[in-house]
Amino acid sequence: MGYFKEICCFVLIAETFIKLCPNEKYEEYLRMITGFICMVLVITPVLLFLKGETTGTMPSLSQFEKELEEVFLESKKQVER
């Protein structure tokens, strides 16, 4: 949920800054820059997840894989009994 809050806060602050900009001719460039930054904010957690790094809020694929393997081994032992 931390990433979602960061993105929302950034968009709110960026839109406020764009609306307060005195010259409308800079609005196009500000929107382009904030769009790039917003894309980076959205892509970063996805890349971290795929890379296997955990941030406390999102489990990594390797952790999920280990847990799935443990559950599979447990169920296999129960079937053998």
PDB file of N, CA and C in Angstrom:
ATOM      1  N   MET A   1       0.823  -1.198   0.000  1.00  0.00           N
ATOM      2  CA  MET A   1       0.000   0.000   0.000  1.00  0.00           C
ATOM      3  C   MET A   1       0.864   1.257   0.000  1.00  0.00           C
ATOM      4  N   GLY A   2       2.113   1.152   0.396  1.00  0.00           N
ATOM      5  CA  GLY A   2       3.001   2.295   0.446  1.00  0.00           C
ATOM      6  C   GLY A   2       3.260   2.898  -0.925  1.00  0.00           C
ATOM      7  N   TYR A   3       3.409   2.027  -1.921  1.00  0.00           N
ATOM      8  CA  TYR A   3       3.663   2.520  -3.264  1.00  0.00           C
ATOM      9  C   TYR A   3       2.451   3.281  -3.806  1.00  0.00           C
ATOM     10  N   PHE A   4       1.275   2.771  -3.514  1.00  0.00           N
ATOM     11  CA  PHE A   4       0.055   3.426  -3.984  1.00  0.00           C
ATOM     12  C   PHE A   4      -0.074   4.819  -3.374  1.00  0.00           C
ATOM     13  N   LYS A   5       0.251   4.957  -2.099  1.00  0.00           N
ATOM     14  CA  LYS A   5       0.197   6.265  -1.436  1.00  0.00           C
ATOM     15  C   LYS A   5       1.210   7.224  -2.047  1.00  0.00           C
ATOM     16  N   GLU A   6       2.409   6.724  -2.342  1.00  0.00           N
ATOM     17  CA  GLU A   6       3.436   7.567  -2.956  1.00  0.00           C
ATOM     18  C   GLU A   6       2.971   8.095  -4.308  1.00  0.00           C
ATOM     19  N   ILE A   7       2.400   7.226  -5.107  1.00  0.00           N
ATOM     20  CA  ILE A   7       1.936   7.621  -6.441  1.00  0.00           C
ATOM     21  C   ILE A   7       0.822   8.658  -6.329  1.00  0.00           C
ATOM     22  N   CYS A   8      -0.132   8.408  -5.433  1.00  0.00           N
ATOM     23  CA  CYS A   8      -1.243   9.357  -5.255  1.00  0.00           C
ATOM     24  C   CYS A   8      -0.753  10.713  -4.777  1.00  0.00           C
ATOM     25  N   CYS A   9       0.135  10.714  -3.804  1.00  0.00           N
ATOM     26  CA  CYS A   9       0.680  11.982  -3.300  1.00  0.00           C
ATOM     27  C   CYS A   9       1.429  12.735  -4.395  1.00  0.00           C
ATOM     28  N   PHE A  10       2.227  11.988  -5.172  1.00  0.00           N
ATOM     29  CA  PHE A  10       2.975  12.646  -6.247  1.00  0.00           C
ATOM     30  C   PHE A  10       2.030  13.275  -7.264  1.00  0.00           C
ATOM     31  N   VAL A  11       0.992  12.539  -7.657  1.00  0.00           N
ATOM     32  CA  VAL A  11       0.053  13.061  -8.659  1.00  0.00           C
ATOM     33  C   VAL A  11      -0.660  14.301  -8.118  1.00  0.00           C
ATOM     34  N   LEU A  12      -1.083  14.273  -6.868  1.00  0.00           N
ATOM     35  CA  LEU A  12      -1.753  15.443  -6.280  1.00  0.00           C
ATOM     36  C   LEU A  12      -0.833  16.658  -6.231  1.00  0.00           C
ATOM     37  N   ILE A  13       0.382  16.454  -5.791  1.00  0.00           N
ATOM     38  CA  ILE A  13       1.335  17.573  -5.710  1.00  0.00           C
ATOM     39  C   ILE A  13       1.689  18.076  -7.106  1.00  0.00           C
ATOM     40  N   ALA A  14       1.893  17.157  -8.047  1.00  0.00           N
ATOM     41  CA  ALA A  14       2.248  17.558  -9.414  1.00  0.00           C
ATOM     42  C   ALA A  14       1.114  18.350 -10.062  1.00  0.00           C
ATOM     43  N   GLU A  15      -0.123  17.892  -9.896  1.00  0.00           N
ATOM     44  CA  GLU A  15      -1.259  18.613 -10.479  1.00  0.00           C
ATOM     45  C   GLU A  15      -1.418  19.995  -9.843  1.00  0.00           C
ATOM     46  N   THR A  16      -1.207  20.075  -8.553  1.00  0.00           N
ATOM     47  CA  THR A  16      -1.275  21.380  -7.877  1.00  0.00           C
ATOM     48  C   THR A  16      -0.201  22.311  -8.417  1.00  0.00           C
ATOM     49  N   PHE A  17       1.002  21.798  -8.575  1.00  0.00           N
ATOM     50  CA  PHE A  17       2.105  22.599  -9.099  1.00  0.00           C
ATOM     51  C   PHE A  17       1.817  23.050 -10.527  1.00  0.00           C
ATOM     52  N   ILE A  18       1.265  22.157 -11.343  1.00  0.00           N
ATOM     53  CA  ILE A  18       0.948  22.502 -12.735  1.00  0.00           C
ATOM     54  C   ILE A  18      -0.116  23.598 -12.782  1.00  0.00           C
ATOM     55  N   LYS A  19      -1.126  23.484 -11.936  1.00  0.00           N
ATOM     56  CA  LYS A  19      -2.207  24.489 -11.923  1.00  0.00           C
ATOM     57  C   LYS A  19      -1.713  25.845 -11.415  1.00  0.00           C
ATOM     58  N   LEU A  20      -0.717  25.851 -10.556  1.00  0.00           N
ATOM     59  CA  LEU A  20      -0.195  27.107 -10.017  1.00  0.00           C
ATOM     60  C   LEU A  20       0.879  27.733 -10.902  1.00  0.00           C
ATOM     61  N   CYS A  21       1.288  27.038 -11.935  1.00  0.00           N
ATOM     62  CA  CYS A  21       2.316  27.553 -12.841  1.00  0.00           C
ATOM     63  C   CYS A  21       1.779  28.795 -13.563  1.00  0.00           C
ATOM     64  N   PRO A  22       2.544  29.894 -13.556  1.00  0.00           N
ATOM     65  CA  PRO A  22       2.037  31.144 -14.129  1.00  0.00           C
ATOM     66  C   PRO A  22       1.888  31.119 -15.656  1.00  0.00           C
ATOM     67  N   ASN A  23       2.785  30.458 -16.347  1.00  0.00           N
ATOM     68  CA  ASN A  23       2.728  30.432 -17.810  1.00  0.00           C
ATOM     69  C   ASN A  23       2.133  29.108 -18.285  1.00  0.00           C
ATOM     70  N   GLU A  24       1.101  29.199 -19.118  1.00  0.00           N
ATOM     71  CA  GLU A  24       0.476  27.990 -19.642  1.00  0.00           C
ATOM     72  C   GLU A  24       1.345  27.291 -20.675  1.00  0.00           C
ATOM     73  N   LYS A  25       2.326  28.001 -21.229  1.00  0.00           N
ATOM     74  CA  LYS A  25       3.172  27.374 -22.246  1.00  0.00           C
ATOM     75  C   LYS A  25       4.100  26.320 -21.623  1.00  0.00           C
ATOM     76  N   TYR A  26       4.338  26.383 -20.304  1.00  0.00           N
ATOM     77  CA  TYR A  26       5.167  25.389 -19.630  1.00  0.00           C
ATOM     78  C   TYR A  26       4.364  24.175 -19.177  1.00  0.00           C
ATOM     79  N   GLU A  27       3.041  24.287 -19.233  1.00  0.00           N
ATOM     80  CA  GLU A  27       2.181  23.201 -18.750  1.00  0.00           C
ATOM     81  C   GLU A  27       2.442  21.905 -19.525  1.00  0.00           C
ATOM     82  N   GLU A  28       2.644  22.012 -20.821  1.00  0.00           N
ATOM     83  CA  GLU A  28       2.907  20.837 -21.653  1.00  0.00           C
ATOM     84  C   GLU A  28       4.169  20.109 -21.185  1.00  0.00           C
ATOM     85  N   TYR A  29       5.222  20.858 -20.922  1.00  0.00           N
ATOM     86  CA  TYR A  29       6.484  20.259 -20.492  1.00  0.00           C
ATOM     87  C   TYR A  29       6.382  19.689 -19.085  1.00  0.00           C
ATOM     88  N   LEU A  30       5.679  20.393 -18.211  1.00  0.00           N
ATOM     89  CA  LEU A  30       5.499  19.891 -16.848  1.00  0.00           C
ATOM     90  C   LEU A  30       4.696  18.592 -16.845  1.00  0.00           C
ATOM     91  N   ARG A  31       3.680  18.533 -17.679  1.00  0.00           N
ATOM     92  CA  ARG A  31       2.885  17.293 -17.764  1.00  0.00           C
ATOM     93  C   ARG A  31       3.724  16.131 -18.305  1.00  0.00           C
ATOM     94  N   MET A  32       4.597  16.413 -19.267  1.00  0.00           N
ATOM     95  CA  MET A  32       5.459  15.379 -19.823  1.00  0.00           C
ATOM     96  C   MET A  32       6.427  14.868 -18.742  1.00  0.00           C
ATOM     97  N   ILE A  33       7.044  15.769 -18.018  1.00  0.00           N
ATOM     98  CA  ILE A  33       8.001  15.385 -16.974  1.00  0.00           C
ATOM     99  C   ILE A  33       7.305  14.615 -15.854  1.00  0.00           C
ATOM    100  N   THR A  34       6.157  15.121 -15.410  1.00  0.00           N
ATOM    101  CA  THR A  34       5.441  14.416 -14.340  1.00  0.00           C
ATOM    102  C   THR A  34       4.921  13.067 -14.829  1.00  0.00           C
ATOM    103  N   GLY A  35       4.606  12.954 -16.084  1.00  0.00           N
ATOM    104  CA  GLY A  35       4.184  11.669 -16.643  1.00  0.00           C
ATOM    105  C   GLY A  35       5.304  10.644 -16.600  1.00  0.00           C
ATOM    106  N   PHE A  36       6.524  11.073 -16.957  1.00  0.00           N
ATOM    107  CA  PHE A  36       7.669  10.175 -16.894  1.00  0.00           C
ATOM    108  C   PHE A  36       7.945   9.737 -15.457  1.00  0.00           C
ATOM    109  N   ILE A  37       7.897  10.685 -14.543  1.00  0.00           N
ATOM    110  CA  ILE A  37       8.141  10.359 -13.134  1.00  0.00           C
ATOM    111  C   ILE A  37       7.063   9.408 -12.616  1.00  0.00           C
ATOM    112  N   CYS A  38       5.834   9.633 -12.999  1.00  0.00           N
ATOM    113  CA  CYS A  38       4.736   8.764 -12.584  1.00  0.00           C
ATOM    114  C   CYS A  38       4.928   7.353 -13.144  1.00  0.00           C
ATOM    115  N   MET A  39       5.382   7.235 -14.384  1.00  0.00           N
ATOM    116  CA  MET A  39       5.654   5.915 -14.960  1.00  0.00           C
ATOM    117  C   MET A  39       6.742   5.200 -14.172  1.00  0.00           C
ATOM    118  N   VAL A  40       7.782   5.920 -13.788  1.00  0.00           N
ATOM    119  CA  VAL A  40       8.858   5.324 -12.996  1.00  0.00           C
ATOM    120  C   VAL A  40       8.320   4.853 -11.643  1.00  0.00           C
ATOM    121  N   LEU A  41       7.461   5.668 -11.024  1.00  0.00           N
ATOM    122  CA  LEU A  41       6.880   5.287  -9.737  1.00  0.00           C
ATOM    123  C   LEU A  41       6.013   4.040  -9.852  1.00  0.00           C
ATOM    124  N   VAL A  42       5.348   3.862 -10.966  1.00  0.00           N
ATOM    125  CA  VAL A  42       4.493   2.691 -11.161  1.00  0.00           C
ATOM    126  C   VAL A  42       5.324   1.453 -11.502  1.00  0.00           C
ATOM    127  N   ILE A  43       6.360   1.617 -12.309  1.00  0.00           N
ATOM    128  CA  ILE A  43       7.152   0.488 -12.775  1.00  0.00           C
ATOM    129  C   ILE A  43       8.115  -0.031 -11.701  1.00  0.00           C
ATOM    130  N   THR A  44       8.605   0.831 -10.833  1.00  0.00           N
ATOM    131  CA  THR A  44       9.597   0.440  -9.833  1.00  0.00           C
ATOM    132  C   THR A  44       9.153  -0.737  -8.963  1.00  0.00           C
ATOM    133  N   PRO A  45       7.972  -0.708  -8.344  1.00  0.00           N
ATOM    134  CA  PRO A  45       7.607  -1.866  -7.518  1.00  0.00           C
ATOM    135  C   PRO A  45       7.451  -3.157  -8.316  1.00  0.00           C
ATOM    136  N   VAL A  46       7.007  -3.041  -9.557  1.00  0.00           N
ATOM    137  CA  VAL A  46       6.862  -4.237 -10.394  1.00  0.00           C
ATOM    138  C   VAL A  46       8.231  -4.843 -10.677  1.00  0.00           C
ATOM    139  N   LEU A  47       9.202  -4.001 -11.020  1.00  0.00           N
ATOM    140  CA  LEU A  47      10.548  -4.496 -11.294  1.00  0.00           C
ATOM    141  C   LEU A  47      11.193  -5.084 -10.051  1.00  0.00           C
ATOM    142  N   LEU A  48      10.989  -4.440  -8.896  1.00  0.00           N
ATOM    143  CA  LEU A  48      11.529  -4.979  -7.651  1.00  0.00           C
ATOM    144  C   LEU A  48      10.911  -6.337  -7.338  1.00  0.00           C
ATOM    145  N   PHE A  49       9.628  -6.487  -7.583  1.00  0.00           N
ATOM    146  CA  PHE A  49       8.952  -7.759  -7.340  1.00  0.00           C
ATOM    147  C   PHE A  49       9.507  -8.844  -8.243  1.00  0.00           C
ATOM    148  N   LEU A  50       9.684  -8.526  -9.524  1.00  0.00           N
ATOM    149  CA  LEU A  50      10.208  -9.516 -10.467  1.00  0.00           C
ATOM    150  C   LEU A  50      11.665  -9.843 -10.196  1.00  0.00           C
ATOM    151  N   LYS A  51      12.394  -8.883  -9.663  1.00  0.00           N
ATOM    152  CA  LYS A  51      13.804  -9.093  -9.346  1.00  0.00           C
ATOM    153  C   LYS A  51      13.970  -9.956  -8.100  1.00  0.00           C
ATOM    154  N   GLY A  52      12.937  -9.996  -7.266  1.00  0.00           N
ATOM    155  CA  GLY A  52      12.983 -10.830  -6.073  1.00  0.00           C
ATOM    156  C   GLY A  52      13.311 -10.073  -4.808  1.00  0.00           C
ATOM    157  N   GLU A  53      13.395  -8.781  -4.874  1.00  0.00           N
ATOM    158  CA  GLU A  53      13.667  -7.982  -3.690  1.00  0.00           C
ATOM    159  C   GLU A  53      12.360  -7.712  -2.955  1.00  0.00           C
ATOM    160  N   THR A  54      12.411  -7.836  -1.647  1.00  0.00           N
ATOM    161  CA  THR A  54      11.204  -7.573  -0.867  1.00  0.00           C
ATOM    162  C   THR A  54      11.332  -6.232  -0.170  1.00  0.00           C
ATOM    163  N   THR A  55      10.217  -5.603   0.008  1.00  0.00           N
ATOM    164  CA  THR A  55      10.195  -4.322   0.704  1.00  0.00           C
ATOM    165  C   THR A  55       9.340  -4.394   1.951  1.00  0.00           C
ATOM    166  N   GLY A  56       8.952  -5.581   2.322  1.00  0.00           N
ATOM    167  CA  GLY A  56       8.118  -5.746   3.498  1.00  0.00           C
ATOM    168  C   GLY A  56       6.641  -5.798   3.170  1.00  0.00           C
ATOM    169  N   THR A  57       6.225  -5.140   2.114  1.00  0.00           N
ATOM    170  CA  THR A  57       4.810  -5.150   1.760  1.00  0.00           C
ATOM    171  C   THR A  57       4.506  -6.117   0.631  1.00  0.00           C
ATOM    172  N   MET A  58       5.483  -6.380  -0.195  1.00  0.00           N
ATOM    173  CA  MET A  58       5.263  -7.277  -1.326  1.00  0.00           C
ATOM    174  C   MET A  58       6.185  -8.488  -1.201  1.00  0.00           C
ATOM    175  N   PRO A  59       5.633  -9.697  -1.150  1.00  0.00           N
ATOM    176  CA  PRO A  59       6.495 -10.877  -1.101  1.00  0.00           C
ATOM    177  C   PRO A  59       7.164 -11.100  -2.450  1.00  0.00           C
ATOM    178  N   SER A  60       8.332 -11.665  -2.411  1.00  0.00           N
ATOM    179  CA  SER A  60       9.047 -11.905  -3.662  1.00  0.00           C
ATOM    180  C   SER A  60       8.601 -13.223  -4.275  1.00  0.00           C
ATOM    181  N   LEU A  61       8.903 -13.399  -5.527  1.00  0.00           N
ATOM    182  CA  LEU A  61       8.567 -14.643  -6.212  1.00  0.00           C
ATOM    183  C   LEU A  61       9.306 -15.821  -5.600  1.00  0.00           C
ATOM    184  N   SER A  62      10.553 -15.604  -5.173  1.00  0.00           N
ATOM    185  CA  SER A  62      11.320 -16.708  -4.591  1.00  0.00           C
ATOM    186  C   SER A  62      10.705 -17.156  -3.267  1.00  0.00           C
ATOM    187  N   GLN A  63      10.202 -16.234  -2.459  1.00  0.00           N
ATOM    188  CA  GLN A  63       9.540 -16.601  -1.216  1.00  0.00           C
ATOM    189  C   GLN A  63       8.274 -17.398  -1.506  1.00  0.00           C
ATOM    190  N   PHE A  64       7.519 -16.968  -2.476  1.00  0.00           N
ATOM    191  CA  PHE A  64       6.301 -17.672  -2.856  1.00  0.00           C
ATOM    192  C   PHE A  64       6.627 -19.073  -3.342  1.00  0.00           C
ATOM    193  N   GLU A  65       7.693 -19.181  -4.116  1.00  0.00           N
ATOM    194  CA  GLU A  65       8.117 -20.469  -4.637  1.00  0.00           C
ATOM    195  C   GLU A  65       8.494 -21.418  -3.500  1.00  0.00           C
ATOM    196  N   LYS A  66       9.232 -20.914  -2.506  1.00  0.00           N
ATOM    197  CA  LYS A  66       9.637 -21.732  -1.359  1.00  0.00           C
ATOM    198  C   LYS A  66       8.420 -22.200  -0.565  1.00  0.00           C
ATOM    199  N   GLU A  67       7.479 -21.295  -0.314  1.00  0.00           N
ATOM    200  CA  GLU A  67       6.287 -21.663   0.435  1.00  0.00           C
ATOM    201  C   GLU A  67       5.461 -22.694  -0.320  1.00  0.00           C
ATOM    202  N   LEU A  68       5.348 -22.540  -1.608  1.00  0.00           N
ATOM    203  CA  LEU A  68       4.600 -23.487  -2.427  1.00  0.00           C
ATOM    204  C   LEU A  68       5.258 -24.861  -2.391  1.00  0.00           C
ATOM    205  N   GLU A  69       6.567 -24.891  -2.446  1.00  0.00           N
ATOM    206  CA  GLU A  69       7.295 -26.156  -2.387  1.00  0.00           C
ATOM    207  C   GLU A  69       7.099 -26.832  -1.030  1.00  0.00           C
ATOM    208  N   GLU A  70       7.114 -26.056   0.060  1.00  0.00           N
ATOM    209  CA  GLU A  70       6.901 -26.614   1.391  1.00  0.00           C
ATOM    210  C   GLU A  70       5.506 -27.218   1.514  1.00  0.00           C
ATOM    211  N   VAL A  71       4.514 -26.515   1.009  1.00  0.00           N
ATOM    212  CA  VAL A  71       3.143 -27.026   1.059  1.00  0.00           C
ATOM    213  C   VAL A  71       3.027 -28.300   0.229  1.00  0.00           C
ATOM    214  N   PHE A  72       3.665 -28.323  -0.918  1.00  0.00           N
ATOM    215  CA  PHE A  72       3.629 -29.502  -1.776  1.00  0.00           C
ATOM    216  C   PHE A  72       4.281 -30.694  -1.082  1.00  0.00           C
ATOM    217  N   LEU A  73       5.429 -30.489  -0.440  1.00  0.00           N
ATOM    218  CA  LEU A  73       6.112 -31.572   0.256  1.00  0.00           C
ATOM    219  C   LEU A  73       5.287 -32.083   1.439  1.00  0.00           C
ATOM    220  N   GLU A  74       4.648 -31.178   2.160  1.00  0.00           N
ATOM    221  CA  GLU A  74       3.790 -31.571   3.278  1.00  0.00           C
ATOM    222  C   GLU A  74       2.624 -32.421   2.807  1.00  0.00           C
ATOM    223  N   SER A  75       1.984 -31.987   1.746  1.00  0.00           N
ATOM    224  CA  SER A  75       0.842 -32.746   1.234  1.00  0.00           C
ATOM    225  C   SER A  75       1.287 -34.101   0.683  1.00  0.00           C
ATOM    226  N   LYS A  76       2.467 -34.171   0.118  1.00  0.00           N
ATOM    227  CA  LYS A  76       3.001 -35.427  -0.401  1.00  0.00           C
ATOM    228  C   LYS A  76       3.252 -36.404   0.750  1.00  0.00           C
ATOM    229  N   LYS A  77       3.784 -35.899   1.869  1.00  0.00           N
ATOM    230  CA  LYS A  77       4.019 -36.742   3.044  1.00  0.00           C
ATOM    231  C   LYS A  77       2.703 -37.265   3.607  1.00  0.00           C
ATOM    232  N   GLN A  78       1.688 -36.441   3.619  1.00  0.00           N
ATOM    233  CA  GLN A  78       0.397 -36.869   4.151  1.00  0.00           C
ATOM    234  C   GLN A  78      -0.248 -37.933   3.260  1.00  0.00           C
ATOM    235  N   VAL A  79      -0.059 -37.827   1.979  1.00  0.00           N
ATOM    236  CA  VAL A  79      -0.621 -38.810   1.056  1.00  0.00           C
ATOM    237  C   VAL A  79       0.086 -40.144   1.221  1.00  0.00           C
ATOM    238  N   GLU A  80       1.387 -40.122   1.457  1.00  0.00           N
ATOM    239  CA  GLU A  80       2.176 -41.352   1.614  1.00  0.00           C
ATOM    240  C   GLU A  80       1.804 -42.107   2.880  1.00  0.00           C
ATOM    241  N   ARG A  81       1.267 -41.435   3.901  1.00  0.00           N
ATOM    242  CA  ARG A  81       0.905 -42.093   5.162  1.00  0.00           C
ATOM    243  C   ARG A  81      -0.293 -42.877   4.985  1.00  0.00           C
TER     244      ARG A  81
END
